[in-house]
Amino acid sequence: MKKIITLISLCCNVILAQNEQIEMNYYLEAKPDKVKQLEKGLKDHTDKFHQSAEHLIHTWEVVAGERTGQYMRNGPTQSWADFDANVDSPGDAVHWERSVAPYVKDMSGRVYWRYLPKLSYSKATHLPKMFAIWYPRYKPGQWRQHRDALEKVREALEENDSNVRMFVYSKVVGGPGRMYAICFGMDSWADMWPDKTNLWDKLEKTFGEGKGNEILNARSSAVEDYHSEVLLFRPELSTPVSK
C-alpha cells in the first residue's frame, strides 16, 4: 500500500540558534504476528547503539490514523552539517540486519523536516508522551495563506498564555509535495485541547471582533484535505530522556 511518508519532530527542548533545525524520521511496520519480536529487536538495538545524545533515537507507536500499529523513529533536531558529521557506531548496521530487519514487513524512506519556530509555540520544555499531528494538503498556490493564518494562531496562543504545545515543521525532502506537519504535544488524551477557552475566543481577544472567523476561514479554505495521526512515546525503545 502506498504510504504518505511524513515526520514530526519530537525533541522539543533542543534549540539550534545559529543553524537550521532539521529532523529525520521513518516508519516501520511489523510482519504479521511478529510485533513482540520486532519490539525485542528494537529494544536490544537501541540499548546497544543509541544510549547517548550523539546517537539519539526516539520511537513512537502510531495509535490513531491509517498507520495504526506501526512505529515511527526519529533522530535529534540538528543542522545539515551534523548529518555529515554523524556516523553509525561500529556494528550498528550488522546488528540491525540480524535483530530487527527479519521482523519488518515494510519500512518507509527517510524524510527530512525543517522546524519552524515562528509558527510554533510551547511553554513546556519536556518531551511530550504523545503527539497529535495534522498534515494538510494545500490547494494550488494556497500554502502561504495557510502559513499566514498559522502565524496568527501562534500569536494568539502566546498572547493568551495558552497551555497548547504546537510545533510546526515543513517537509524539506523525501516523498511527494509541499507539506507541513502541525504537531500538538500531549501527556494524555485529555490534553487534546488543554485550555478552558477555544481558539476562536483567543483569536477574537487578540485581533479584534470578527477576526476569529476571518483567520480560521483563511486557514481552512487553503487546505484541500488533512491526513492525521496520534503517536505514543515508547521510552523502552528509545534513547533515555534527560529529566
C-alpha atoms as a PDB file:
ATOM      1  CA  MET A   1       0.000   0.000   0.000  1.00  0.00           C
ATOM      2  CA  LYS A   2       1.324   3.387  -0.963  1.00  0.00           C
ATOM      3  CA  LYS A   3       2.027   5.442   2.143  1.00  0.00           C
ATOM      4  CA  ILE A   4       2.357   9.157   2.671  1.00  0.00           C
ATOM      5  CA  ILE A   5       5.746   9.439   4.339  1.00  0.00           C
ATOM      6  CA  THR A   6       5.703  12.124   6.951  1.00  0.00           C
ATOM      7  CA  LEU A   7       7.510  13.297  10.008  1.00  0.00           C
ATOM      8  CA  ILE A   8       7.182  15.007  13.213  1.00  0.00           C
ATOM      9  CA  SER A   9       9.800  16.368  15.412  1.00  0.00           C
ATOM     10  CA  LEU A  10       9.808  15.326  18.929  1.00  0.00           C
ATOM     11  CA  CYS A  11      12.853  16.832  20.585  1.00  0.00           C
ATOM     12  CA  CYS A  12      11.000  19.945  21.669  1.00  0.00           C
ATOM     13  CA  ASN A  13      13.596  21.319  24.066  1.00  0.00           C
ATOM     14  CA  VAL A  14      16.500  21.430  21.601  1.00  0.00           C
ATOM     15  CA  ILE A  15      17.142  24.887  20.139  1.00  0.00           C
ATOM     16  CA  LEU A  16      19.814  25.432  17.493  1.00  0.00           C
ATOM     17  CA  ALA A  17      20.051  29.194  17.403  1.00  0.00           C
ATOM     18  CA  GLN A  18      22.589  29.622  14.612  1.00  0.00           C
ATOM     19  CA  ASN A  19      21.587  26.827  12.207  1.00  0.00           C
ATOM     20  CA  GLU A  20      18.567  25.399  10.511  1.00  0.00           C
ATOM     21  CA  GLN A  21      16.791  22.908  12.731  1.00  0.00           C
ATOM     22  CA  ILE A  22      16.349  19.712  10.728  1.00  0.00           C
ATOM     23  CA  GLU A  23      14.925  16.376  11.805  1.00  0.00           C
ATOM     24  CA  MET A  24      14.750  12.992  10.091  1.00  0.00           C
ATOM     25  CA  ASN A  25      12.189  10.236  10.600  1.00  0.00           C
ATOM     26  CA  TYR A  26      10.944   6.981   9.121  1.00  0.00           C
ATOM     27  CA  TYR A  27       8.208   4.397   9.783  1.00  0.00           C
ATOM     28  CA  LEU A  28       8.391   0.653  10.465  1.00  0.00           C
ATOM     29  CA  GLU A  29       5.656  -1.963  10.177  1.00  0.00           C
ATOM     30  CA  ALA A  30       5.988  -5.387  11.805  1.00  0.00           C
ATOM     31  CA  LYS A  31       5.311  -8.596   9.931  1.00  0.00           C
ATOM     32  CA  PRO A  32       2.072 -10.345  10.957  1.00  0.00           C
ATOM     33  CA  ASP A  33       2.451 -11.991  14.384  1.00  0.00           C
ATOM     34  CA  LYS A  34       5.992 -10.582  14.747  1.00  0.00           C
ATOM     35  CA  VAL A  35       5.256  -7.491  16.861  1.00  0.00           C
ATOM     36  CA  LYS A  36       6.879  -8.901  20.014  1.00  0.00           C
ATOM     37  CA  GLN A  37       9.983  -9.993  18.107  1.00  0.00           C
ATOM     38  CA  LEU A  38      10.288  -6.610  16.392  1.00  0.00           C
ATOM     39  CA  GLU A  39       9.948  -4.723  19.670  1.00  0.00           C
ATOM     40  CA  LYS A  40      12.522  -7.003  21.298  1.00  0.00           C
ATOM     41  CA  GLY A  41      14.903  -6.364  18.411  1.00  0.00           C
ATOM     42  CA  LEU A  42      14.353  -2.598  18.543  1.00  0.00           C
ATOM     43  CA  LYS A  43      14.963  -2.548  22.294  1.00  0.00           C
ATOM     44  CA  ASP A  44      18.135  -4.607  22.000  1.00  0.00           C
ATOM     45  CA  HIS A  45      19.401  -2.436  19.143  1.00  0.00           C
ATOM     46  CA  THR A  46      18.616   0.797  20.988  1.00  0.00           C
ATOM     47  CA  ASP A  47      20.218  -0.462  24.203  1.00  0.00           C
ATOM     48  CA  LYS A  48      23.414  -1.311  22.331  1.00  0.00           C
ATOM     49  CA  PHE A  49      23.776   1.600  19.909  1.00  0.00           C
ATOM     50  CA  HIS A  50      21.531   4.510  20.935  1.00  0.00           C
ATOM     51  CA  GLN A  51      22.170   5.350  24.582  1.00  0.00           C
ATOM     52  CA  SER A  52      23.862   8.735  24.106  1.00  0.00           C
ATOM     53  CA  ALA A  53      22.881  12.136  22.714  1.00  0.00           C
ATOM     54  CA  GLU A  54      25.297  11.579  19.807  1.00  0.00           C
ATOM     55  CA  HIS A  55      23.166   8.651  18.607  1.00  0.00           C
ATOM     56  CA  LEU A  56      19.770   9.735  19.917  1.00  0.00           C
ATOM     57  CA  ILE A  57      16.693   7.933  18.624  1.00  0.00           C
ATOM     58  CA  HIS A  58      13.077   8.207  19.751  1.00  0.00           C
ATOM     59  CA  THR A  59      10.481   5.544  18.987  1.00  0.00           C
ATOM     60  CA  TRP A  60       6.750   6.253  18.793  1.00  0.00           C
ATOM     61  CA  GLU A  61       3.846   3.873  18.280  1.00  0.00           C
ATOM     62  CA  VAL A  62       1.073   5.053  15.967  1.00  0.00           C
ATOM     63  CA  VAL A  63      -2.174   4.695  17.957  1.00  0.00           C
ATOM     64  CA  ALA A  64      -4.571   6.563  15.638  1.00  0.00           C
ATOM     65  CA  GLY A  65      -4.610   7.073  11.871  1.00  0.00           C
ATOM     66  CA  GLU A  66      -4.078   4.893   8.820  1.00  0.00           C
ATOM     67  CA  ARG A  67      -0.688   3.718  10.114  1.00  0.00           C
ATOM     68  CA  THR A  68      -2.064   2.487  13.467  1.00  0.00           C
ATOM     69  CA  GLY A  69       0.185  -0.246  14.844  1.00  0.00           C
ATOM     70  CA  GLN A  70       3.306   0.966  13.044  1.00  0.00           C
ATOM     71  CA  TYR A  71       6.305   2.661  14.652  1.00  0.00           C
ATOM     72  CA  MET A  72       7.891   5.997  13.864  1.00  0.00           C
ATOM     73  CA  ARG A  73      11.555   6.564  14.738  1.00  0.00           C
ATOM     74  CA  ASN A  74      13.180   9.985  14.650  1.00  0.00           C
ATOM     75  CA  GLY A  75      16.602  11.372  15.369  1.00  0.00           C
ATOM     76  CA  PRO A  76      17.661  14.608  17.069  1.00  0.00           C
ATOM     77  CA  THR A  77      16.949  18.096  15.790  1.00  0.00           C
ATOM     78  CA  GLN A  78      20.227  19.242  14.251  1.00  0.00           C
ATOM     79  CA  SER A  79      21.890  21.213  11.466  1.00  0.00           C
ATOM     80  CA  TRP A  80      22.565  19.888   7.967  1.00  0.00           C
ATOM     81  CA  ALA A  81      26.285  19.786   8.777  1.00  0.00           C
ATOM     82  CA  ASP A  82      25.575  17.450  11.687  1.00  0.00           C
ATOM     83  CA  PHE A  83      24.187  14.864   9.266  1.00  0.00           C
ATOM     84  CA  ASP A  84      27.572  14.857   7.508  1.00  0.00           C
ATOM     85  CA  ALA A  85      29.459  14.505  10.786  1.00  0.00           C
ATOM     86  CA  ASN A  86      27.323  11.811  12.426  1.00  0.00           C
ATOM     87  CA  VAL A  87      28.159   8.201  11.594  1.00  0.00           C
ATOM     88  CA  ASP A  88      26.727   4.931  12.879  1.00  0.00           C
ATOM     89  CA  SER A  89      28.569   3.127  15.649  1.00  0.00           C
ATOM     90  CA  PRO A  90      30.640   0.086  14.604  1.00  0.00           C
ATOM     91  CA  GLY A  91      28.385  -2.941  14.302  1.00  0.00           C
ATOM     92  CA  ASP A  92      25.153  -0.925  14.117  1.00  0.00           C
ATOM     93  CA  ALA A  93      24.137  -1.962  10.594  1.00  0.00           C
ATOM     94  CA  VAL A  94      25.066  -5.626  11.099  1.00  0.00           C
ATOM     95  CA  HIS A  95      23.084  -5.835  14.331  1.00  0.00           C
ATOM     96  CA  TRP A  96      20.057  -4.175  12.700  1.00  0.00           C
ATOM     97  CA  GLU A  97      20.049  -6.689   9.849  1.00  0.00           C
ATOM     98  CA  ARG A  98      20.285  -9.588  12.293  1.00  0.00           C
ATOM     99  CA  SER A  99      17.961  -8.463  15.106  1.00  0.00           C
ATOM    100  CA  VAL A 100      15.408  -6.071  13.562  1.00  0.00           C
ATOM    101  CA  ALA A 101      15.147  -6.473   9.779  1.00  0.00           C
ATOM    102  CA  PRO A 102      13.837 -10.095   9.829  1.00  0.00           C
ATOM    103  CA  TYR A 103      10.657  -8.918  11.580  1.00  0.00           C
ATOM    104  CA  VAL A 104       9.980  -5.834   9.421  1.00  0.00           C
ATOM    105  CA  LYS A 105       7.205  -6.083   6.840  1.00  0.00           C
ATOM    106  CA  ASP A 106       7.667  -2.580   5.460  1.00  0.00           C
ATOM    107  CA  MET A 107       9.938   0.386   6.127  1.00  0.00           C
ATOM    108  CA  SER A 108       9.413   3.866   4.713  1.00  0.00           C
ATOM    109  CA  GLY A 109      12.109   6.011   3.201  1.00  0.00           C
ATOM    110  CA  ARG A 110      13.640   8.749   5.312  1.00  0.00           C
ATOM    111  CA  VAL A 111      12.024  12.173   5.332  1.00  0.00           C
ATOM    112  CA  TYR A 112      13.737  15.390   6.446  1.00  0.00           C
ATOM    113  CA  TRP A 113      11.793  18.227   8.058  1.00  0.00           C
ATOM    114  CA  ARG A 114      12.645  21.822   8.995  1.00  0.00           C
ATOM    115  CA  TYR A 115      11.388  23.136  12.339  1.00  0.00           C
ATOM    116  CA  LEU A 116       9.569  26.484  12.022  1.00  0.00           C
ATOM    117  CA  PRO A 117       9.899  28.393  15.320  1.00  0.00           C
ATOM    118  CA  LYS A 118       7.910  31.395  14.033  1.00  0.00           C
ATOM    119  CA  LEU A 119       4.848  29.153  13.662  1.00  0.00           C
ATOM    120  CA  SER A 120       5.399  27.152  16.860  1.00  0.00           C
ATOM    121  CA  TYR A 121       4.505  27.776  20.492  1.00  0.00           C
ATOM    122  CA  SER A 122       5.017  25.938  23.783  1.00  0.00           C
ATOM    123  CA  LYS A 123       5.616  26.946  27.385  1.00  0.00           C
ATOM    124  CA  ALA A 124       6.545  23.388  28.329  1.00  0.00           C
ATOM    125  CA  THR A 125      10.061  22.121  27.595  1.00  0.00           C
ATOM    126  CA  HIS A 126       9.739  18.397  28.382  1.00  0.00           C
ATOM    127  CA  LEU A 127       9.245  15.738  25.728  1.00  0.00           C
ATOM    128  CA  PRO A 128       5.502  15.020  25.403  1.00  0.00           C
ATOM    129  CA  LYS A 129       4.210  11.493  25.948  1.00  0.00           C
ATOM    130  CA  MET A 130       2.008  11.793  22.855  1.00  0.00           C
ATOM    131  CA  PHE A 131       1.663  13.832  19.681  1.00  0.00           C
ATOM    132  CA  ALA A 132      -1.471  14.557  17.676  1.00  0.00           C
ATOM    133  CA  ILE A 133      -0.323  15.512  14.180  1.00  0.00           C
ATOM    134  CA  TRP A 134      -2.129  17.054  11.234  1.00  0.00           C
ATOM    135  CA  TYR A 135      -0.623  17.051   7.737  1.00  0.00           C
ATOM    136  CA  PRO A 136      -2.518  19.497   5.488  1.00  0.00           C
ATOM    137  CA  ARG A 137      -2.527  19.068   1.718  1.00  0.00           C
ATOM    138  CA  TYR A 138      -2.846  22.513   0.182  1.00  0.00           C
ATOM    139  CA  LYS A 139      -4.867  23.765  -2.726  1.00  0.00           C
ATOM    140  CA  PRO A 140      -2.632  25.022  -5.564  1.00  0.00           C
ATOM    141  CA  GLY A 141      -0.949  28.277  -4.569  1.00  0.00           C
ATOM    142  CA  GLN A 142      -2.596  28.421  -1.131  1.00  0.00           C
ATOM    143  CA  TRP A 143       0.113  27.228   1.272  1.00  0.00           C
ATOM    144  CA  ARG A 144       1.243  30.807   2.032  1.00  0.00           C
ATOM    145  CA  GLN A 145      -2.294  31.772   3.079  1.00  0.00           C
ATOM    146  CA  HIS A 146      -2.338  28.834   5.480  1.00  0.00           C
ATOM    147  CA  ARG A 147       1.087  29.767   6.838  1.00  0.00           C
ATOM    148  CA  ASP A 148      -0.022  33.358   7.488  1.00  0.00           C
ATOM    149  CA  ALA A 149      -3.045  32.074   9.411  1.00  0.00           C
ATOM    150  CA  LEU A 150      -0.786  29.797  11.474  1.00  0.00           C
ATOM    151  CA  GLU A 151       1.341  32.812  12.426  1.00  0.00           C
ATOM    152  CA  LYS A 152      -1.773  34.487  13.828  1.00  0.00           C
ATOM    153  CA  VAL A 153      -2.759  31.303  15.674  1.00  0.00           C
ATOM    154  CA  ARG A 154       0.684  31.169  17.286  1.00  0.00           C
ATOM    155  CA  GLU A 155       0.431  34.841  18.263  1.00  0.00           C
ATOM    156  CA  ALA A 156      -2.990  34.280  19.847  1.00  0.00           C
ATOM    157  CA  LEU A 157      -1.727  31.279  21.823  1.00  0.00           C
ATOM    158  CA  GLU A 158       1.198  33.296  23.158  1.00  0.00           C
ATOM    159  CA  GLU A 159      -0.880  36.399  23.896  1.00  0.00           C
ATOM    160  CA  ASN A 160      -3.356  34.327  25.927  1.00  0.00           C
ATOM    161  CA  ASP A 161      -0.698  32.325  27.815  1.00  0.00           C
ATOM    162  CA  SER A 162      -2.060  29.087  26.362  1.00  0.00           C
ATOM    163  CA  ASN A 163      -1.113  25.610  27.570  1.00  0.00           C
ATOM    164  CA  VAL A 164      -1.283  24.303  23.996  1.00  0.00           C
ATOM    165  CA  ARG A 165       2.021  22.887  22.716  1.00  0.00           C
ATOM    166  CA  MET A 166       2.194  23.427  18.947  1.00  0.00           C
ATOM    167  CA  PHE A 167       5.261  22.522  16.872  1.00  0.00           C
ATOM    168  CA  VAL A 168       5.221  23.150  13.126  1.00  0.00           C
ATOM    169  CA  TYR A 169       7.564  21.609  10.544  1.00  0.00           C
ATOM    170  CA  SER A 170       7.867  21.874   6.775  1.00  0.00           C
ATOM    171  CA  LYS A 171       8.990  18.946   4.666  1.00  0.00           C
ATOM    172  CA  VAL A 172      12.354  19.591   3.011  1.00  0.00           C
ATOM    173  CA  VAL A 173      12.971  16.366   1.102  1.00  0.00           C
ATOM    174  CA  GLY A 174      11.506  12.864   0.911  1.00  0.00           C
ATOM    175  CA  GLY A 175       8.111  11.992  -0.527  1.00  0.00           C
ATOM    176  CA  PRO A 176       5.773  13.986  -2.771  1.00  0.00           C
ATOM    177  CA  GLY A 177       4.567  17.555  -2.457  1.00  0.00           C
ATOM    178  CA  ARG A 178       4.931  20.542  -0.155  1.00  0.00           C
ATOM    179  CA  MET A 179       3.651  19.671   3.304  1.00  0.00           C
ATOM    180  CA  TYR A 180       3.540  20.993   6.846  1.00  0.00           C
ATOM    181  CA  ALA A 181       3.376  18.804   9.937  1.00  0.00           C
ATOM    182  CA  ILE A 182       1.407  20.555  12.692  1.00  0.00           C
ATOM    183  CA  CYS A 183       2.176  18.690  15.905  1.00  0.00           C
ATOM    184  CA  PHE A 184       0.378  19.110  19.219  1.00  0.00           C
ATOM    185  CA  GLY A 185       2.231  17.740  22.233  1.00  0.00           C
ATOM    186  CA  MET A 186       0.159  15.928  24.864  1.00  0.00           C
ATOM    187  CA  ASP A 187       0.766  13.965  28.046  1.00  0.00           C
ATOM    188  CA  SER A 188      -2.655  12.267  27.799  1.00  0.00           C
ATOM    189  CA  TRP A 189      -5.738  12.246  25.584  1.00  0.00           C
ATOM    190  CA  ALA A 190      -7.209  14.907  27.897  1.00  0.00           C
ATOM    191  CA  ASP A 191      -4.574  17.327  26.556  1.00  0.00           C
ATOM    192  CA  MET A 192      -6.090  17.296  23.072  1.00  0.00           C
ATOM    193  CA  TRP A 193      -7.219  20.836  23.970  1.00  0.00           C
ATOM    194  CA  PRO A 194      -5.863  21.792  27.418  1.00  0.00           C
ATOM    195  CA  ASP A 195      -7.287  25.345  27.646  1.00  0.00           C
ATOM    196  CA  LYS A 196     -10.632  26.497  29.035  1.00  0.00           C
ATOM    197  CA  THR A 197     -11.226  28.863  26.108  1.00  0.00           C
ATOM    198  CA  ASN A 198     -11.298  27.768  22.476  1.00  0.00           C
ATOM    199  CA  LEU A 199      -9.099  29.021  19.656  1.00  0.00           C
ATOM    200  CA  TRP A 200     -11.809  31.284  18.211  1.00  0.00           C
ATOM    201  CA  ASP A 201     -12.094  33.134  21.532  1.00  0.00           C
ATOM    202  CA  LYS A 202      -8.323  33.602  21.653  1.00  0.00           C
ATOM    203  CA  LEU A 203      -8.211  34.996  18.116  1.00  0.00           C
ATOM    204  CA  GLU A 204     -11.089  37.397  18.851  1.00  0.00           C
ATOM    205  CA  LYS A 205      -9.388  38.639  22.015  1.00  0.00           C
ATOM    206  CA  THR A 206      -6.024  39.106  20.300  1.00  0.00           C
ATOM    207  CA  PHE A 207      -7.026  40.560  16.925  1.00  0.00           C
ATOM    208  CA  GLY A 208     -10.485  42.030  17.492  1.00  0.00           C
ATOM    209  CA  GLU A 209     -14.134  41.250  16.839  1.00  0.00           C
ATOM    210  CA  GLY A 210     -14.763  39.283  13.659  1.00  0.00           C
ATOM    211  CA  LYS A 211     -11.121  38.293  13.212  1.00  0.00           C
ATOM    212  CA  GLY A 212     -11.632  34.810  14.644  1.00  0.00           C
ATOM    213  CA  ASN A 213     -13.846  33.722  11.767  1.00  0.00           C
ATOM    214  CA  GLU A 214     -11.661  35.520   9.231  1.00  0.00           C
ATOM    215  CA  ILE A 215      -8.445  33.798  10.329  1.00  0.00           C
ATOM    216  CA  LEU A 216      -9.987  30.348  10.773  1.00  0.00           C
ATOM    217  CA  ASN A 217     -11.743  30.582   7.393  1.00  0.00           C
ATOM    218  CA  ALA A 218      -8.475  31.612   5.719  1.00  0.00           C
ATOM    219  CA  ARG A 219      -6.736  28.643   7.301  1.00  0.00           C
ATOM    220  CA  SER A 220      -9.430  26.165   6.283  1.00  0.00           C
ATOM    221  CA  SER A 221     -10.009  27.470   2.749  1.00  0.00           C
ATOM    222  CA  ALA A 222      -6.331  26.977   1.843  1.00  0.00           C
ATOM    223  CA  VAL A 223      -6.456  23.238   2.581  1.00  0.00           C
ATOM    224  CA  GLU A 224      -7.636  20.514   0.210  1.00  0.00           C
ATOM    225  CA  ASP A 225      -7.717  17.868   2.946  1.00  0.00           C
ATOM    226  CA  TYR A 226      -5.897  16.643   6.059  1.00  0.00           C
ATOM    227  CA  HIS A 227      -4.092  13.454   6.999  1.00  0.00           C
ATOM    228  CA  SER A 228      -3.757  12.963  10.767  1.00  0.00           C
ATOM    229  CA  GLU A 229      -2.370  10.532  13.325  1.00  0.00           C
ATOM    230  CA  VAL A 230      -1.569  10.209  17.030  1.00  0.00           C
ATOM    231  CA  LEU A 231       1.788   8.945  18.293  1.00  0.00           C
ATOM    232  CA  LEU A 232       2.555   7.425  21.700  1.00  0.00           C
ATOM    233  CA  PHE A 233       6.114   7.635  23.029  1.00  0.00           C
ATOM    234  CA  ARG A 234       7.775   4.268  23.691  1.00  0.00           C
ATOM    235  CA  PRO A 235      10.587   5.090  26.155  1.00  0.00           C
ATOM    236  CA  GLU A 236      11.798   1.480  26.413  1.00  0.00           C
ATOM    237  CA  LEU A 237      12.562   1.554  22.662  1.00  0.00           C
ATOM    238  CA  SER A 238      14.245   4.980  22.793  1.00  0.00           C
ATOM    239  CA  THR A 239      17.375   6.755  23.966  1.00  0.00           C
ATOM    240  CA  PRO A 240      16.920   7.629  27.665  1.00  0.00           C
ATOM    241  CA  VAL A 241      15.293  11.039  28.088  1.00  0.00           C
ATOM    242  CA  SER A 242      17.061  13.540  30.352  1.00  0.00           C
ATOM    243  CA  LYS A 243      14.966  14.505  33.356  1.00  0.00           C
END
